[in-house]
N, C-alpha and C. Protein backbone atom coordinates (compact mmCIF):
# COMPACT_ATOMS: atom_id res chain seq x y z
N UNK A 1 60.21 -61.58 97.07
CA UNK A 1 60.18 -61.32 98.50
C UNK A 1 61.61 -61.06 98.97
N UNK A 2 61.79 -60.02 99.72
CA UNK A 2 63.10 -59.65 100.24
C UNK A 2 63.39 -60.48 101.50
N UNK A 3 64.57 -61.06 101.54
CA UNK A 3 64.95 -61.85 102.69
C UNK A 3 65.39 -60.92 103.83
N UNK A 4 64.85 -61.09 105.00
CA UNK A 4 65.20 -60.28 106.13
C UNK A 4 66.39 -60.92 106.82
N UNK A 5 67.48 -60.14 107.02
CA UNK A 5 68.64 -60.63 107.75
C UNK A 5 69.01 -59.57 108.75
N UNK A 6 69.75 -60.02 109.73
CA UNK A 6 70.23 -59.08 110.74
C UNK A 6 71.52 -58.41 110.35
N UNK A 7 72.01 -58.69 109.13
CA UNK A 7 73.25 -58.09 108.67
C UNK A 7 73.15 -56.58 108.55
N UNK A 8 71.93 -56.11 108.29
CA UNK A 8 71.73 -54.65 108.14
C UNK A 8 71.37 -53.97 109.43
N UNK A 9 71.27 -54.76 110.55
CA UNK A 9 70.90 -54.19 111.84
C UNK A 9 71.82 -53.10 112.33
N UNK A 10 73.16 -53.26 112.28
CA UNK A 10 74.02 -52.17 112.74
C UNK A 10 73.81 -50.85 112.00
N UNK A 11 73.60 -50.92 110.67
CA UNK A 11 73.36 -49.73 109.88
C UNK A 11 72.04 -49.10 110.30
N UNK A 12 71.02 -49.90 110.49
CA UNK A 12 69.71 -49.36 110.91
C UNK A 12 69.84 -48.74 112.31
N UNK A 13 70.58 -49.40 113.18
CA UNK A 13 70.77 -48.86 114.55
C UNK A 13 71.46 -47.52 114.53
N UNK A 14 72.52 -47.40 113.74
CA UNK A 14 73.23 -46.14 113.70
C UNK A 14 72.44 -45.02 113.11
N UNK A 15 71.60 -45.38 112.10
CA UNK A 15 70.70 -44.36 111.48
C UNK A 15 69.73 -43.92 112.52
N UNK A 16 69.17 -44.84 113.36
CA UNK A 16 68.24 -44.49 114.39
C UNK A 16 68.87 -43.62 115.45
N UNK A 17 70.14 -43.92 115.85
CA UNK A 17 70.81 -43.12 116.81
C UNK A 17 71.06 -41.71 116.27
N UNK A 18 71.49 -41.62 115.01
CA UNK A 18 71.72 -40.31 114.38
C UNK A 18 70.40 -39.49 114.23
N UNK A 19 69.32 -40.21 113.90
CA UNK A 19 68.05 -39.54 113.80
C UNK A 19 67.58 -39.01 115.13
N UNK A 20 67.78 -39.79 116.18
CA UNK A 20 67.40 -39.33 117.54
C UNK A 20 68.23 -38.12 117.93
N UNK A 21 69.55 -38.16 117.62
CA UNK A 21 70.39 -37.01 117.93
C UNK A 21 70.03 -35.77 117.17
N UNK A 22 69.78 -35.91 115.88
CA UNK A 22 69.39 -34.74 115.08
C UNK A 22 68.04 -34.21 115.44
N UNK A 23 67.08 -35.03 115.69
CA UNK A 23 65.76 -34.54 116.08
C UNK A 23 65.80 -33.86 117.39
N UNK A 24 66.51 -34.44 118.38
CA UNK A 24 66.59 -33.82 119.72
C UNK A 24 67.37 -32.50 119.67
N UNK A 25 68.39 -32.44 118.78
CA UNK A 25 69.14 -31.20 118.64
C UNK A 25 68.23 -30.08 118.10
N UNK A 26 67.46 -30.40 117.08
CA UNK A 26 66.60 -29.40 116.49
C UNK A 26 65.51 -28.91 117.44
N UNK A 27 64.87 -29.85 118.13
CA UNK A 27 63.80 -29.53 119.07
C UNK A 27 64.36 -28.72 120.26
N UNK A 28 65.48 -29.20 120.80
CA UNK A 28 66.06 -28.49 121.95
C UNK A 28 66.56 -27.10 121.57
N UNK A 29 67.13 -26.94 120.37
CA UNK A 29 67.55 -25.63 119.96
C UNK A 29 66.37 -24.69 119.90
N UNK A 30 65.28 -25.18 119.29
CA UNK A 30 64.10 -24.30 119.18
C UNK A 30 63.58 -23.95 120.57
N UNK A 31 63.56 -24.92 121.48
CA UNK A 31 63.08 -24.65 122.84
C UNK A 31 64.01 -23.65 123.53
N UNK A 32 65.33 -23.84 123.46
CA UNK A 32 66.27 -22.95 124.17
C UNK A 32 66.30 -21.57 123.53
N UNK A 33 66.08 -21.47 122.27
CA UNK A 33 66.16 -20.20 121.57
C UNK A 33 64.87 -19.39 121.66
N UNK A 34 63.72 -20.05 121.56
CA UNK A 34 62.46 -19.30 121.41
C UNK A 34 61.49 -19.53 122.53
N UNK A 35 61.36 -20.69 123.08
CA UNK A 35 60.36 -20.96 124.11
C UNK A 35 60.92 -20.64 125.51
N UNK A 36 62.06 -21.11 125.85
CA UNK A 36 62.73 -20.87 127.07
C UNK A 36 64.07 -20.18 126.80
N UNK A 37 64.05 -18.86 126.47
CA UNK A 37 65.29 -18.21 126.09
C UNK A 37 66.26 -18.25 127.23
N UNK A 38 67.51 -18.59 126.88
CA UNK A 38 68.49 -18.75 127.93
C UNK A 38 69.46 -17.58 127.96
N UNK A 39 69.19 -16.52 127.19
CA UNK A 39 70.05 -15.39 127.15
C UNK A 39 70.23 -14.75 128.54
N UNK A 40 69.20 -14.84 129.36
CA UNK A 40 69.27 -14.26 130.68
C UNK A 40 70.02 -15.12 131.66
N UNK A 41 70.16 -16.42 131.36
CA UNK A 41 70.85 -17.36 132.19
C UNK A 41 72.35 -17.22 132.03
N UNK A 42 72.79 -16.94 130.80
CA UNK A 42 74.22 -16.98 130.53
C UNK A 42 74.68 -15.57 130.24
N UNK A 43 75.66 -15.09 130.99
CA UNK A 43 76.15 -13.75 130.78
C UNK A 43 77.40 -13.69 129.91
N UNK A 44 78.13 -14.78 129.78
CA UNK A 44 79.41 -14.73 129.07
C UNK A 44 79.33 -15.05 127.59
N UNK A 45 78.22 -15.68 127.10
CA UNK A 45 78.10 -16.05 125.69
C UNK A 45 76.79 -15.52 125.14
N UNK A 46 76.72 -15.37 123.83
CA UNK A 46 75.49 -14.95 123.22
C UNK A 46 74.43 -16.03 123.33
N UNK A 47 73.18 -15.66 123.22
CA UNK A 47 72.06 -16.59 123.34
C UNK A 47 72.14 -17.66 122.29
N UNK A 48 72.42 -17.37 121.02
CA UNK A 48 72.47 -18.50 120.03
C UNK A 48 73.60 -19.48 120.32
N UNK A 49 74.72 -19.02 120.76
CA UNK A 49 75.86 -19.90 121.07
C UNK A 49 75.49 -20.80 122.25
N UNK A 50 74.93 -20.17 123.28
CA UNK A 50 74.52 -20.95 124.48
C UNK A 50 73.43 -21.98 124.07
N UNK A 51 72.52 -21.62 123.23
CA UNK A 51 71.47 -22.51 122.80
C UNK A 51 72.08 -23.67 122.01
N UNK A 52 73.06 -23.38 121.10
CA UNK A 52 73.76 -24.45 120.35
C UNK A 52 74.49 -25.38 121.27
N UNK A 53 75.16 -24.85 122.25
CA UNK A 53 75.89 -25.71 123.19
C UNK A 53 74.98 -26.61 123.99
N UNK A 54 73.92 -26.06 124.54
CA UNK A 54 72.97 -26.87 125.33
C UNK A 54 72.25 -27.83 124.42
N UNK A 55 71.98 -27.47 123.22
CA UNK A 55 71.30 -28.40 122.26
C UNK A 55 72.19 -29.55 121.91
N UNK A 56 73.49 -29.28 121.78
CA UNK A 56 74.45 -30.34 121.48
C UNK A 56 74.52 -31.34 122.62
N UNK A 57 74.46 -30.83 123.84
CA UNK A 57 74.47 -31.72 125.02
C UNK A 57 73.24 -32.58 125.08
N UNK A 58 72.08 -31.94 124.78
CA UNK A 58 70.81 -32.71 124.76
C UNK A 58 70.85 -33.79 123.68
N UNK A 59 71.39 -33.42 122.48
CA UNK A 59 71.46 -34.38 121.37
C UNK A 59 72.38 -35.53 121.74
N UNK A 60 73.54 -35.26 122.39
CA UNK A 60 74.47 -36.30 122.81
C UNK A 60 73.78 -37.26 123.77
N UNK A 61 73.05 -36.70 124.76
CA UNK A 61 72.34 -37.53 125.73
C UNK A 61 71.25 -38.36 125.06
N UNK A 62 70.54 -37.80 124.09
CA UNK A 62 69.50 -38.57 123.39
C UNK A 62 70.16 -39.68 122.63
N UNK A 63 71.30 -39.43 121.95
CA UNK A 63 71.98 -40.51 121.23
C UNK A 63 72.47 -41.60 122.16
N UNK A 64 72.99 -41.20 123.32
CA UNK A 64 73.49 -42.19 124.27
C UNK A 64 72.33 -43.03 124.77
N UNK A 65 71.19 -42.41 125.08
CA UNK A 65 70.02 -43.11 125.55
C UNK A 65 69.51 -44.08 124.48
N UNK A 66 69.45 -43.63 123.26
CA UNK A 66 69.00 -44.52 122.14
C UNK A 66 69.91 -45.71 122.01
N UNK A 67 71.20 -45.44 122.02
CA UNK A 67 72.20 -46.51 121.89
C UNK A 67 72.08 -47.51 123.03
N UNK A 68 71.84 -47.06 124.24
CA UNK A 68 71.69 -47.92 125.38
C UNK A 68 70.42 -48.80 125.23
N UNK A 69 69.29 -48.24 124.76
CA UNK A 69 68.09 -49.00 124.57
C UNK A 69 68.30 -50.06 123.48
N UNK A 70 68.97 -49.67 122.39
CA UNK A 70 69.23 -50.64 121.30
C UNK A 70 70.16 -51.75 121.74
N UNK A 71 71.17 -51.43 122.55
CA UNK A 71 72.11 -52.43 123.05
C UNK A 71 71.39 -53.43 123.94
N UNK A 72 70.50 -52.93 124.80
CA UNK A 72 69.75 -53.86 125.68
C UNK A 72 68.87 -54.73 124.87
N UNK A 73 68.25 -54.22 123.85
CA UNK A 73 67.38 -55.03 123.00
C UNK A 73 68.19 -56.11 122.27
N UNK A 74 69.38 -55.77 121.79
CA UNK A 74 70.27 -56.71 121.10
C UNK A 74 70.70 -57.82 122.09
N UNK A 75 71.04 -57.45 123.32
CA UNK A 75 71.46 -58.45 124.32
C UNK A 75 70.31 -59.41 124.63
N UNK A 76 69.09 -58.81 124.77
CA UNK A 76 67.92 -59.65 125.05
C UNK A 76 67.64 -60.59 123.91
N UNK A 77 67.70 -60.11 122.67
CA UNK A 77 67.47 -60.95 121.49
C UNK A 77 68.56 -62.07 121.39
N UNK A 78 69.81 -61.72 121.68
CA UNK A 78 70.86 -62.72 121.59
C UNK A 78 70.65 -63.80 122.68
N UNK A 79 70.23 -63.38 123.88
CA UNK A 79 69.98 -64.36 124.92
C UNK A 79 68.86 -65.30 124.56
N UNK A 80 67.79 -64.74 123.98
CA UNK A 80 66.68 -65.61 123.51
C UNK A 80 67.14 -66.61 122.47
N UNK A 81 67.95 -66.12 121.54
CA UNK A 81 68.46 -67.03 120.45
C UNK A 81 69.36 -68.14 121.05
N UNK A 82 70.24 -67.75 122.02
CA UNK A 82 71.10 -68.79 122.64
C UNK A 82 70.25 -69.80 123.37
N UNK A 83 69.20 -69.37 124.10
CA UNK A 83 68.36 -70.26 124.85
C UNK A 83 67.63 -71.22 123.85
N UNK A 84 67.13 -70.68 122.77
CA UNK A 84 66.41 -71.48 121.76
C UNK A 84 67.35 -72.52 121.14
N UNK A 85 68.50 -72.08 120.73
CA UNK A 85 69.49 -73.01 120.11
C UNK A 85 69.91 -74.12 121.05
N UNK A 86 70.14 -73.74 122.31
CA UNK A 86 70.64 -74.75 123.28
C UNK A 86 69.57 -75.66 123.78
N UNK A 87 68.28 -75.31 123.53
CA UNK A 87 67.18 -76.21 123.95
C UNK A 87 66.68 -77.08 122.78
N UNK A 88 67.35 -77.04 121.68
CA UNK A 88 66.97 -77.92 120.55
C UNK A 88 67.36 -79.38 120.92
N UNK A 89 66.55 -80.29 120.40
CA UNK A 89 66.89 -81.69 120.65
C UNK A 89 67.95 -82.17 119.70
N UNK A 90 68.25 -81.42 118.66
CA UNK A 90 69.28 -81.80 117.72
C UNK A 90 70.54 -81.02 118.03
N UNK A 91 71.67 -81.63 117.61
CA UNK A 91 72.93 -80.91 117.66
C UNK A 91 72.99 -79.96 116.48
N UNK A 92 73.50 -78.78 116.64
CA UNK A 92 73.54 -77.82 115.60
C UNK A 92 74.90 -77.12 115.53
N UNK A 93 75.47 -77.03 114.34
CA UNK A 93 76.63 -76.22 114.16
C UNK A 93 76.49 -75.51 112.82
N UNK A 94 76.88 -74.27 112.76
CA UNK A 94 76.80 -73.52 111.50
C UNK A 94 78.12 -72.83 111.23
N UNK A 95 78.53 -72.93 109.95
CA UNK A 95 79.82 -72.31 109.53
C UNK A 95 79.49 -71.22 108.49
N UNK A 96 80.32 -70.20 108.46
CA UNK A 96 80.11 -69.14 107.46
C UNK A 96 80.78 -69.51 106.16
N UNK A 97 80.76 -68.61 105.18
CA UNK A 97 81.37 -68.88 103.88
C UNK A 97 82.86 -69.08 103.96
N UNK A 98 83.52 -68.66 105.03
CA UNK A 98 84.98 -68.88 105.18
C UNK A 98 85.26 -70.15 106.01
N UNK A 99 84.22 -70.97 106.19
CA UNK A 99 84.33 -72.23 106.94
C UNK A 99 84.79 -72.01 108.38
N UNK A 100 84.30 -70.91 108.94
CA UNK A 100 84.53 -70.59 110.41
C UNK A 100 83.24 -70.83 111.13
N UNK A 101 83.32 -71.43 112.32
CA UNK A 101 82.15 -71.74 113.13
C UNK A 101 81.47 -70.43 113.54
N UNK A 102 80.15 -70.33 113.28
CA UNK A 102 79.39 -69.22 113.71
C UNK A 102 78.67 -69.49 115.00
N UNK A 103 78.00 -70.67 115.06
CA UNK A 103 77.25 -71.04 116.23
C UNK A 103 77.29 -72.57 116.38
N UNK A 104 77.25 -73.00 117.63
CA UNK A 104 77.22 -74.45 117.91
C UNK A 104 76.48 -74.59 119.24
N UNK A 105 75.56 -75.52 119.27
CA UNK A 105 74.83 -75.67 120.56
C UNK A 105 75.45 -76.75 121.44
N UNK A 106 74.95 -76.79 122.67
CA UNK A 106 75.47 -77.68 123.62
C UNK A 106 75.21 -79.15 123.28
N UNK A 107 74.05 -79.37 122.61
CA UNK A 107 73.69 -80.80 122.23
C UNK A 107 74.77 -81.31 121.23
N UNK A 108 75.24 -80.45 120.32
CA UNK A 108 76.27 -80.89 119.37
C UNK A 108 77.54 -81.22 120.14
N UNK A 109 77.93 -80.42 121.11
CA UNK A 109 79.18 -80.67 121.85
C UNK A 109 79.02 -81.93 122.66
N UNK A 110 77.83 -82.21 123.24
CA UNK A 110 77.61 -83.44 124.02
C UNK A 110 77.65 -84.68 123.08
N UNK A 111 77.05 -84.59 121.93
CA UNK A 111 77.01 -85.76 121.03
C UNK A 111 78.38 -86.16 120.56
N UNK A 112 79.20 -85.18 120.23
CA UNK A 112 80.53 -85.48 119.68
C UNK A 112 81.61 -85.42 120.76
N UNK A 113 81.26 -85.18 122.01
CA UNK A 113 82.17 -85.12 123.10
C UNK A 113 83.32 -84.14 122.83
N UNK A 114 82.92 -82.95 122.47
CA UNK A 114 83.91 -81.84 122.18
C UNK A 114 83.75 -80.78 123.30
N UNK A 115 84.87 -80.17 123.57
CA UNK A 115 84.93 -79.16 124.63
C UNK A 115 84.54 -77.78 124.18
N UNK A 116 83.82 -77.10 124.99
CA UNK A 116 83.44 -75.70 124.70
C UNK A 116 84.63 -74.78 124.70
N UNK A 117 85.75 -75.18 125.30
CA UNK A 117 86.97 -74.38 125.29
C UNK A 117 87.58 -74.35 123.88
N UNK A 118 87.40 -75.42 123.14
CA UNK A 118 87.98 -75.54 121.83
C UNK A 118 86.97 -75.15 120.72
N UNK A 119 85.77 -75.65 120.87
CA UNK A 119 84.71 -75.44 119.86
C UNK A 119 83.99 -74.15 120.23
N UNK A 120 84.49 -73.04 119.68
CA UNK A 120 83.86 -71.75 119.90
C UNK A 120 83.84 -71.01 118.59
N UNK A 121 83.01 -69.98 118.46
CA UNK A 121 82.89 -69.24 117.16
C UNK A 121 84.31 -68.82 116.71
N UNK A 122 84.53 -69.03 115.41
CA UNK A 122 85.78 -68.65 114.82
C UNK A 122 86.67 -69.84 114.47
N UNK A 123 86.46 -70.99 115.10
CA UNK A 123 87.28 -72.14 114.77
C UNK A 123 86.96 -72.59 113.36
N UNK A 124 87.95 -72.99 112.64
CA UNK A 124 87.73 -73.45 111.26
C UNK A 124 87.18 -74.89 111.23
N UNK A 125 86.50 -75.20 110.12
CA UNK A 125 85.98 -76.55 109.93
C UNK A 125 87.12 -77.55 109.99
N UNK A 126 88.22 -77.21 109.37
CA UNK A 126 89.42 -78.10 109.36
C UNK A 126 89.90 -78.34 110.77
N UNK A 127 90.04 -77.33 111.62
CA UNK A 127 90.51 -77.51 112.96
C UNK A 127 89.50 -78.29 113.80
N UNK A 128 88.26 -78.09 113.60
CA UNK A 128 87.21 -78.80 114.32
C UNK A 128 87.30 -80.31 113.97
N UNK A 129 87.46 -80.61 112.71
CA UNK A 129 87.58 -82.01 112.27
C UNK A 129 88.86 -82.66 112.86
N UNK A 130 89.94 -81.90 112.88
CA UNK A 130 91.19 -82.46 113.50
C UNK A 130 90.99 -82.72 115.00
N UNK A 131 90.30 -81.82 115.68
CA UNK A 131 90.02 -82.01 117.09
C UNK A 131 89.16 -83.24 117.28
N UNK A 132 88.13 -83.39 116.46
CA UNK A 132 87.24 -84.59 116.60
C UNK A 132 87.98 -85.89 116.30
N UNK A 133 88.94 -85.85 115.37
CA UNK A 133 89.74 -87.03 115.12
C UNK A 133 90.54 -87.40 116.32
N UNK A 134 91.17 -86.36 116.99
CA UNK A 134 91.93 -86.62 118.21
C UNK A 134 91.12 -87.18 119.33
N UNK A 135 89.82 -86.78 119.50
CA UNK A 135 89.05 -87.26 120.59
C UNK A 135 88.22 -88.49 120.23
N UNK A 136 88.38 -88.98 118.98
CA UNK A 136 87.77 -90.24 118.59
C UNK A 136 86.32 -90.13 118.12
N UNK A 137 85.81 -88.97 117.84
CA UNK A 137 84.45 -88.79 117.40
C UNK A 137 84.33 -88.58 115.88
N UNK A 138 85.46 -88.71 115.17
CA UNK A 138 85.44 -88.58 113.68
C UNK A 138 86.42 -89.55 113.11
N UNK A 139 85.94 -90.39 112.18
CA UNK A 139 86.86 -91.45 111.69
C UNK A 139 87.05 -91.41 110.18
N UNK A 140 86.64 -90.31 109.54
CA UNK A 140 86.79 -90.20 108.09
C UNK A 140 88.07 -89.40 107.71
N UNK A 141 88.36 -89.38 106.42
CA UNK A 141 89.45 -88.54 105.97
C UNK A 141 88.95 -87.10 105.98
N UNK A 142 89.56 -86.22 106.75
CA UNK A 142 88.99 -84.87 106.89
C UNK A 142 89.07 -84.05 105.60
N UNK A 143 90.10 -84.25 104.79
CA UNK A 143 90.25 -83.53 103.53
C UNK A 143 89.11 -83.93 102.56
N UNK A 144 88.92 -85.23 102.44
CA UNK A 144 87.87 -85.70 101.53
C UNK A 144 86.45 -85.30 102.06
N UNK A 145 86.26 -85.45 103.37
CA UNK A 145 84.96 -85.06 103.97
C UNK A 145 84.67 -83.58 103.73
N UNK A 146 85.67 -82.71 103.97
CA UNK A 146 85.53 -81.29 103.80
C UNK A 146 85.21 -80.96 102.32
N UNK A 147 85.97 -81.57 101.45
CA UNK A 147 85.79 -81.34 99.98
C UNK A 147 84.38 -81.71 99.53
N UNK A 148 83.94 -82.90 99.95
CA UNK A 148 82.59 -83.36 99.58
C UNK A 148 81.52 -82.45 100.17
N UNK A 149 81.67 -82.10 101.45
CA UNK A 149 80.69 -81.27 102.14
C UNK A 149 80.60 -79.85 101.53
N UNK A 150 81.72 -79.25 101.33
CA UNK A 150 81.76 -77.88 100.78
C UNK A 150 81.27 -77.92 99.31
N UNK A 151 81.59 -78.94 98.56
CA UNK A 151 81.14 -79.08 97.19
C UNK A 151 79.62 -79.18 97.14
N UNK A 152 79.05 -80.03 98.02
CA UNK A 152 77.60 -80.19 98.07
C UNK A 152 76.93 -78.89 98.50
N UNK A 153 77.48 -78.20 99.46
CA UNK A 153 76.90 -76.94 99.93
C UNK A 153 76.94 -75.84 98.85
N UNK A 154 78.05 -75.76 98.14
CA UNK A 154 78.16 -74.71 97.12
C UNK A 154 77.20 -75.03 95.94
N UNK A 155 76.87 -76.33 95.73
CA UNK A 155 75.88 -76.68 94.70
C UNK A 155 74.47 -76.55 95.23
N UNK A 156 74.29 -76.21 96.50
CA UNK A 156 72.95 -76.03 97.05
C UNK A 156 72.27 -77.32 97.39
N UNK A 157 73.02 -78.39 97.52
CA UNK A 157 72.45 -79.70 97.81
C UNK A 157 72.40 -79.95 99.35
N UNK A 158 71.42 -80.72 99.73
CA UNK A 158 71.33 -81.20 101.12
C UNK A 158 71.98 -82.55 101.16
N UNK A 159 72.81 -82.75 102.16
CA UNK A 159 73.48 -84.03 102.26
C UNK A 159 72.99 -84.72 103.58
N UNK A 160 72.97 -86.05 103.54
CA UNK A 160 72.54 -86.80 104.68
C UNK A 160 73.52 -88.00 104.81
N UNK A 161 74.09 -88.16 106.01
CA UNK A 161 74.94 -89.30 106.25
C UNK A 161 74.67 -89.82 107.67
N UNK A 162 75.12 -90.96 107.96
CA UNK A 162 75.00 -91.56 109.30
C UNK A 162 76.37 -91.89 109.81
N UNK A 163 76.75 -91.33 110.93
CA UNK A 163 78.06 -91.53 111.52
C UNK A 163 77.90 -92.52 112.69
N UNK A 164 78.76 -93.51 112.68
CA UNK A 164 78.78 -94.48 113.74
C UNK A 164 79.93 -94.13 114.68
N UNK A 165 79.65 -93.98 115.96
CA UNK A 165 80.69 -93.64 116.90
C UNK A 165 81.29 -94.91 117.55
N UNK A 166 82.42 -94.72 118.17
CA UNK A 166 83.10 -95.86 118.78
C UNK A 166 82.28 -96.46 119.95
N UNK A 167 81.42 -95.67 120.62
CA UNK A 167 80.65 -96.21 121.72
C UNK A 167 79.27 -96.77 121.34
N UNK A 168 79.12 -97.02 120.03
CA UNK A 168 77.85 -97.66 119.59
C UNK A 168 76.72 -96.73 119.20
N UNK A 169 76.96 -95.47 119.15
CA UNK A 169 75.90 -94.53 118.77
C UNK A 169 75.87 -94.35 117.28
N UNK A 170 74.69 -94.11 116.73
CA UNK A 170 74.52 -93.78 115.35
C UNK A 170 73.95 -92.36 115.29
N UNK A 171 74.65 -91.51 114.54
CA UNK A 171 74.27 -90.07 114.49
C UNK A 171 73.95 -89.71 113.06
N UNK A 172 72.66 -89.61 112.69
CA UNK A 172 72.34 -89.17 111.31
C UNK A 172 72.67 -87.67 111.23
N UNK A 173 73.32 -87.25 110.16
CA UNK A 173 73.70 -85.87 109.95
C UNK A 173 73.09 -85.34 108.67
N UNK A 174 72.50 -84.16 108.74
CA UNK A 174 71.90 -83.49 107.58
C UNK A 174 72.49 -82.10 107.46
N UNK A 175 73.04 -81.78 106.28
CA UNK A 175 73.67 -80.50 106.06
C UNK A 175 72.97 -79.82 104.89
N UNK A 176 72.75 -78.53 105.05
CA UNK A 176 72.04 -77.76 104.03
C UNK A 176 72.44 -76.33 103.96
N UNK A 177 72.03 -75.62 102.91
CA UNK A 177 72.10 -74.21 102.65
C UNK A 177 73.47 -73.74 102.17
N UNK A 178 73.58 -72.44 101.89
CA UNK A 178 74.82 -71.87 101.40
C UNK A 178 75.85 -71.89 102.52
N UNK A 179 75.44 -71.44 103.70
CA UNK A 179 76.34 -71.63 104.84
C UNK A 179 76.28 -73.10 105.20
N UNK A 180 77.29 -73.62 105.75
CA UNK A 180 77.25 -75.01 106.17
C UNK A 180 76.48 -75.09 107.49
N UNK A 181 75.37 -75.70 107.43
CA UNK A 181 74.53 -75.83 108.63
C UNK A 181 74.24 -77.30 108.83
N UNK A 182 74.67 -77.86 109.91
CA UNK A 182 74.50 -79.30 110.11
C UNK A 182 73.65 -79.58 111.36
N UNK A 183 72.71 -80.49 111.21
CA UNK A 183 71.87 -80.91 112.32
C UNK A 183 72.08 -82.44 112.46
N UNK A 184 72.17 -82.88 113.69
CA UNK A 184 72.40 -84.30 113.89
C UNK A 184 71.54 -84.78 115.08
N UNK A 185 71.01 -85.95 114.89
CA UNK A 185 70.24 -86.62 115.93
C UNK A 185 71.04 -87.75 116.46
N UNK A 186 71.03 -87.95 117.71
CA UNK A 186 71.85 -89.03 118.28
C UNK A 186 70.90 -90.11 118.81
N UNK A 187 71.18 -91.34 118.43
CA UNK A 187 70.41 -92.46 118.97
C UNK A 187 71.40 -93.67 119.24
N UNK A 188 71.09 -94.41 120.23
CA UNK A 188 71.92 -95.51 120.61
C UNK A 188 71.58 -96.74 119.73
N UNK A 189 72.65 -97.35 119.20
CA UNK A 189 72.41 -98.55 118.36
C UNK A 189 72.14 -99.77 119.32
N UNK A 190 71.23 -100.62 118.95
CA UNK A 190 70.94 -101.79 119.76
C UNK A 190 71.51 -103.05 119.14
């Protein structure tokens, strides 16, 4: 079974834009040359040149329209994904293979009391851990923690730990997959 990812989406989108432009160019050239001849409209250029010029304009407009529709669809899909991620009851953060933050939801930021100004896509795992140490929401050795976490992830293992915060909360953390994906549930210790 082939895994579907959105990594190929830009290539598919550009192929669709080019297909729309090519098809509209061919159809409009045939229309301008044979169905609605424009030779009588234009006195300064030959009919084939005028047909090519107008067909190029139509193709450009078709490509622009297709690109606009695809961009709106992408924005709508991204909005839906952000809403879904931020409405999870778990805190979620995902890092790519370069240990850079890809996505983090509001629940994660609330649980660890981290600022959205600092914790944004592109921050490294190392920098995030250093920030959490400074704000008191991380009490482990960051080098050892990162080494253990990345080692488990590269081995394809799922890890589970429980983090105790200074204010009495217990946060179970589960990390899995090739990319570092962590989910945490927050509960108050009694």
